[in-house]
Amino acid sequence: MANALVSIQIIPKTKNGEDVIPYVDEAIAIIDASGVPYHVSPLETTMEGELPDLLAIVEKMNQRMEELGCPSVISQAKIFYQPSGASMDKLTEKYR
């Protein structure tokens, strides 16, 4: 069972003030390619997995922004770590 949830909001500074949505789409594609369970919300995306793996995904997201020409990136993260197990479904089941 996964031991962490990481919610990430990535805010890239674009080269010429372009819309950030295509850049955010690129960041979400990295999460998708990783294979971890995730949920996209309007202002952040939550991933479920092992903490080191999730942090490595965040690093890849930032590196991708650099590859796309962003001079800087703000990554706002929330981390829920529970060695005995962490699950998006478990934390939200009472709301469904």
Protein backbone atom coordinates (compact mmCIF):
# COMPACT_ATOMS: atom_id res chain seq x y z
CA MET A 1 0.00 0.00 0.00
CA ALA A 2 1.16 3.53 -0.74
CA ASN A 3 2.53 5.55 2.14
CA ALA A 4 1.96 9.09 0.87
CA LEU A 5 -0.27 11.51 -0.95
CA VAL A 6 1.27 14.53 -2.61
CA SER A 7 -0.87 17.35 -3.94
CA ILE A 8 1.03 19.55 -6.36
CA GLN A 9 0.23 22.86 -8.00
CA ILE A 10 2.84 23.86 -10.55
CA ILE A 11 2.98 27.51 -11.60
CA PRO A 12 5.51 28.05 -14.38
CA LYS A 13 6.71 31.48 -15.38
CA THR A 14 6.31 31.41 -19.14
CA LYS A 15 8.80 32.94 -21.59
CA ASN A 16 6.56 35.63 -23.03
CA GLY A 17 3.61 35.61 -20.68
CA GLU A 18 1.87 32.78 -22.53
CA ASP A 19 -1.07 30.93 -21.03
CA VAL A 20 0.20 28.43 -18.45
CA ILE A 21 -2.43 25.75 -19.17
CA PRO A 22 -0.42 23.99 -21.92
CA TYR A 23 2.52 23.86 -19.50
CA VAL A 24 0.32 22.44 -16.74
CA ASP A 25 -0.93 19.86 -19.23
CA GLU A 26 2.71 18.83 -19.79
CA ALA A 27 3.21 18.48 -16.03
CA ILE A 28 0.09 16.31 -15.70
CA ALA A 29 1.31 14.16 -18.61
CA ILE A 30 4.43 13.39 -16.55
CA ILE A 31 2.25 12.24 -13.67
CA ASP A 32 0.16 10.14 -16.04
CA ALA A 33 3.25 8.52 -17.58
CA SER A 34 4.55 7.61 -14.11
CA GLY A 35 1.70 5.18 -13.54
CA VAL A 36 0.81 6.37 -10.04
CA PRO A 37 -2.85 6.88 -9.16
CA TYR A 38 -3.76 10.57 -9.36
CA HIS A 39 -6.71 12.93 -9.34
CA VAL A 40 -6.79 16.27 -11.14
CA SER A 41 -8.65 19.05 -9.34
CA PRO A 42 -9.17 22.61 -10.54
CA LEU A 43 -6.19 24.01 -8.62
CA GLU A 44 -3.93 21.03 -7.91
CA THR A 45 -3.33 17.39 -8.71
CA THR A 46 -3.06 14.73 -6.00
CA MET A 47 -0.86 11.67 -6.47
CA GLU A 48 -0.74 8.48 -4.41
CA GLY A 49 2.37 6.35 -3.94
CA GLU A 50 5.66 5.99 -2.15
CA LEU A 51 6.98 9.35 -0.97
CA PRO A 52 10.40 9.17 -2.72
CA ASP A 53 8.70 8.22 -6.00
CA LEU A 54 6.20 11.07 -5.75
CA LEU A 55 8.92 13.61 -4.99
CA ALA A 56 10.87 12.34 -8.00
CA ILE A 57 7.79 13.01 -10.15
CA VAL A 58 7.64 16.58 -8.84
CA GLU A 59 11.30 16.97 -9.77
CA LYS A 60 10.60 15.69 -13.30
CA MET A 61 7.72 18.14 -13.63
CA ASN A 62 10.01 21.04 -12.77
CA GLN A 63 12.70 19.79 -15.14
CA ARG A 64 10.14 19.59 -17.94
CA MET A 65 9.19 23.23 -17.37
CA GLU A 66 12.86 24.14 -17.77
CA GLU A 67 13.03 22.10 -20.99
CA LEU A 68 10.03 24.06 -22.28
CA GLY A 69 11.89 27.30 -21.66
CA CYS A 70 10.35 28.49 -18.41
CA PRO A 71 12.86 30.68 -16.55
CA SER A 72 11.37 29.70 -13.17
CA VAL A 73 8.67 27.55 -11.59
CA ILE A 74 6.76 27.70 -8.33
CA SER A 75 5.69 24.26 -7.08
CA GLN A 76 3.31 24.30 -4.16
CA ALA A 77 3.07 20.88 -2.55
CA LYS A 78 1.07 19.33 0.27
CA ILE A 79 2.31 16.02 1.61
CA PHE A 80 0.40 13.48 3.66
CA TYR A 81 2.76 10.78 4.87
CA GLN A 82 1.56 7.74 6.81
CA PRO A 83 3.89 4.74 6.86
CA SER A 84 0.99 2.40 7.66
CA GLY A 85 -0.73 3.41 4.41
CA ALA A 86 -2.22 6.39 2.64
CA SER A 87 -5.09 6.36 0.18
CA MET A 88 -7.06 9.07 -1.63
CA ASP A 89 -10.14 6.86 -1.54
CA LYS A 90 -9.83 6.20 2.19
CA LEU A 91 -9.45 9.88 3.04
CA THR A 92 -12.47 10.92 0.97
CA GLU A 93 -14.81 7.91 1.30
CA LYS A 94 -17.16 9.66 3.74
CA TYR A 95 -17.86 12.32 1.10
CA ARG A 96 -19.05 9.86 -1.54
